[in-house]
Amino acid sequence: MVWQEPEVGQQPVRTRLRPRAPKNYGSGVALWESLFQPPLRALVEARGWKAGDLFMAIRMAVTGQPATPPLFDVLVALGRDRTLARLDAAVAALRA
């Protein structure tokens, strides 16, 4: 199986999410969830996946661990740049 970046509409999800990722998290977890849960849930629905499976894949990509504090708390703690760098590294590893 070859990794293909999931798409919703015309743009890859990763491309659609990156511009919306805030540089300053402002209100933290609530802001992150309000920005990212809707497109992630749309991806789950479009692909017929389970939300928990996608969130676990994100969790593993950014932490390397199957058990962590709540995912959006972890993403806020890591920060925008580190989170995106880890997602990019996970995609690159899957493509290798």
C-alpha atoms as a PDB file:
ATOM      1  CA  MET A   1       0.000   0.000   0.000  1.00  0.00           C
ATOM      2  CA  VAL A   2       1.354   3.398  -0.973  1.00  0.00           C
ATOM      3  CA  TRP A   3       0.603   6.443   1.152  1.00  0.00           C
ATOM      4  CA  GLN A   4      -1.574   9.004  -0.547  1.00  0.00           C
ATOM      5  CA  GLU A   5      -2.372  12.193   1.247  1.00  0.00           C
ATOM      6  CA  PRO A   6      -6.087  12.226   2.071  1.00  0.00           C
ATOM      7  CA  GLU A   7      -8.036  14.897   0.266  1.00  0.00           C
ATOM      8  CA  VAL A   8     -11.255  16.698   1.042  1.00  0.00           C
ATOM      9  CA  GLY A   9     -12.529  18.611  -1.940  1.00  0.00           C
ATOM     10  CA  GLN A  10      -9.680  19.610  -4.222  1.00  0.00           C
ATOM     11  CA  GLN A  11      -6.865  20.347  -1.755  1.00  0.00           C
ATOM     12  CA  PRO A  12      -5.006  17.859   0.441  1.00  0.00           C
ATOM     13  CA  VAL A  13      -6.163  18.180   4.036  1.00  0.00           C
ATOM     14  CA  ARG A  14      -2.665  19.063   5.234  1.00  0.00           C
ATOM     15  CA  THR A  15      -2.590  21.990   2.791  1.00  0.00           C
ATOM     16  CA  ARG A  16      -6.015  23.156   3.908  1.00  0.00           C
ATOM     17  CA  LEU A  17      -5.100  22.998   7.598  1.00  0.00           C
ATOM     18  CA  ARG A  18      -1.701  24.691   7.498  1.00  0.00           C
ATOM     19  CA  PRO A  19      -2.844  28.233   6.591  1.00  0.00           C
ATOM     20  CA  ARG A  20      -5.413  28.157   9.379  1.00  0.00           C
ATOM     21  CA  ALA A  21      -2.970  27.006  12.057  1.00  0.00           C
ATOM     22  CA  PRO A  22      -2.611  29.999  14.356  1.00  0.00           C
ATOM     23  CA  LYS A  23       0.852  31.379  15.123  1.00  0.00           C
ATOM     24  CA  ASN A  24      -0.379  32.418  18.567  1.00  0.00           C
ATOM     25  CA  TYR A  25      -2.810  29.992  20.127  1.00  0.00           C
ATOM     26  CA  GLY A  26      -4.692  32.723  21.944  1.00  0.00           C
ATOM     27  CA  SER A  27      -7.235  30.850  24.031  1.00  0.00           C
ATOM     28  CA  GLY A  28      -5.336  27.571  23.717  1.00  0.00           C
ATOM     29  CA  VAL A  29      -7.155  24.277  23.450  1.00  0.00           C
ATOM     30  CA  ALA A  30     -10.583  25.756  22.690  1.00  0.00           C
ATOM     31  CA  LEU A  31      -9.160  27.768  19.782  1.00  0.00           C
ATOM     32  CA  TRP A  32      -7.238  24.776  18.396  1.00  0.00           C
ATOM     33  CA  GLU A  33     -10.303  22.545  18.623  1.00  0.00           C
ATOM     34  CA  SER A  34     -12.540  25.139  16.968  1.00  0.00           C
ATOM     35  CA  LEU A  35     -10.108  25.463  14.040  1.00  0.00           C
ATOM     36  CA  PHE A  36      -9.209  21.832  13.505  1.00  0.00           C
ATOM     37  CA  GLN A  37     -12.061  19.629  14.626  1.00  0.00           C
ATOM     38  CA  PRO A  38     -14.444  20.633  11.799  1.00  0.00           C
ATOM     39  CA  PRO A  39     -12.024  19.844   8.916  1.00  0.00           C
ATOM     40  CA  LEU A  40     -10.845  16.667  10.655  1.00  0.00           C
ATOM     41  CA  ARG A  41     -14.426  15.525  11.191  1.00  0.00           C
ATOM     42  CA  ALA A  42     -15.191  16.332   7.530  1.00  0.00           C
ATOM     43  CA  LEU A  43     -12.244  14.172   6.478  1.00  0.00           C
ATOM     44  CA  VAL A  44     -13.484  11.313   8.668  1.00  0.00           C
ATOM     45  CA  GLU A  45     -16.962  11.562   7.185  1.00  0.00           C
ATOM     46  CA  ALA A  46     -15.725  11.848   3.592  1.00  0.00           C
ATOM     47  CA  ARG A  47     -13.499   8.785   3.960  1.00  0.00           C
ATOM     48  CA  GLY A  48     -15.889   6.714   6.048  1.00  0.00           C
ATOM     49  CA  TRP A  49     -13.299   6.446   8.818  1.00  0.00           C
ATOM     50  CA  LYS A  50     -13.758   6.443  12.579  1.00  0.00           C
ATOM     51  CA  ALA A  51     -12.741   9.711  14.242  1.00  0.00           C
ATOM     52  CA  GLY A  52     -10.765   7.851  16.904  1.00  0.00           C
ATOM     53  CA  ASP A  53      -8.643   6.145  14.245  1.00  0.00           C
ATOM     54  CA  LEU A  54      -7.672   9.456  12.647  1.00  0.00           C
ATOM     55  CA  PHE A  55      -7.004  11.107  15.989  1.00  0.00           C
ATOM     56  CA  MET A  56      -4.841   8.125  17.037  1.00  0.00           C
ATOM     57  CA  ALA A  57      -2.831   8.459  13.814  1.00  0.00           C
ATOM     58  CA  ILE A  58      -2.288  12.151  14.545  1.00  0.00           C
ATOM     59  CA  ARG A  59      -1.383  11.329  18.161  1.00  0.00           C
ATOM     60  CA  MET A  60       1.178   8.738  17.042  1.00  0.00           C
ATOM     61  CA  ALA A  61       2.615  11.115  14.433  1.00  0.00           C
ATOM     62  CA  VAL A  62       3.144  13.999  16.846  1.00  0.00           C
ATOM     63  CA  THR A  63       4.087  12.109  20.033  1.00  0.00           C
ATOM     64  CA  GLY A  64       5.132   8.602  19.026  1.00  0.00           C
ATOM     65  CA  GLN A  65       2.957   7.300  21.851  1.00  0.00           C
ATOM     66  CA  PRO A  66      -0.455   5.584  21.781  1.00  0.00           C
ATOM     67  CA  ALA A  67      -1.485   7.010  25.152  1.00  0.00           C
ATOM     68  CA  THR A  68      -1.189  10.737  25.816  1.00  0.00           C
ATOM     69  CA  PRO A  69      -3.141  13.520  27.461  1.00  0.00           C
ATOM     70  CA  PRO A  70      -6.061  14.725  25.321  1.00  0.00           C
ATOM     71  CA  LEU A  71      -4.905  15.228  21.740  1.00  0.00           C
ATOM     72  CA  PHE A  72      -5.749  18.908  21.399  1.00  0.00           C
ATOM     73  CA  ASP A  73      -3.999  19.650  24.721  1.00  0.00           C
ATOM     74  CA  VAL A  74      -0.884  17.961  23.321  1.00  0.00           C
ATOM     75  CA  LEU A  75      -1.080  19.931  20.068  1.00  0.00           C
ATOM     76  CA  VAL A  76      -1.322  23.214  21.948  1.00  0.00           C
ATOM     77  CA  ALA A  77       1.573  22.255  24.232  1.00  0.00           C
ATOM     78  CA  LEU A  78       3.760  21.338  21.250  1.00  0.00           C
ATOM     79  CA  GLY A  79       2.889  24.519  19.398  1.00  0.00           C
ATOM     80  CA  ARG A  80       2.050  25.119  15.779  1.00  0.00           C
ATOM     81  CA  ASP A  81       5.495  24.786  14.233  1.00  0.00           C
ATOM     82  CA  ARG A  82       6.527  21.664  16.132  1.00  0.00           C
ATOM     83  CA  THR A  83       3.161  19.998  15.486  1.00  0.00           C
ATOM     84  CA  LEU A  84       3.333  20.678  11.748  1.00  0.00           C
ATOM     85  CA  ALA A  85       6.983  19.582  11.576  1.00  0.00           C
ATOM     86  CA  ARG A  86       6.122  16.281  13.247  1.00  0.00           C
ATOM     87  CA  LEU A  87       3.175  15.707  10.904  1.00  0.00           C
ATOM     88  CA  ASP A  88       5.451  16.427   7.924  1.00  0.00           C
ATOM     89  CA  ALA A  89       8.050  13.977   9.293  1.00  0.00           C
ATOM     90  CA  ALA A  90       5.412  11.275   9.724  1.00  0.00           C
ATOM     91  CA  VAL A  91       4.171  11.728   6.148  1.00  0.00           C
ATOM     92  CA  ALA A  92       7.771  11.600   4.866  1.00  0.00           C
ATOM     93  CA  ALA A  93       8.417   8.399   6.835  1.00  0.00           C
ATOM     94  CA  LEU A  94       5.316   6.771   5.391  1.00  0.00           C
ATOM     95  CA  ARG A  95       6.370   7.722   1.868  1.00  0.00           C
ATOM     96  CA  ALA A  96       9.930   6.367   2.325  1.00  0.00           C
END
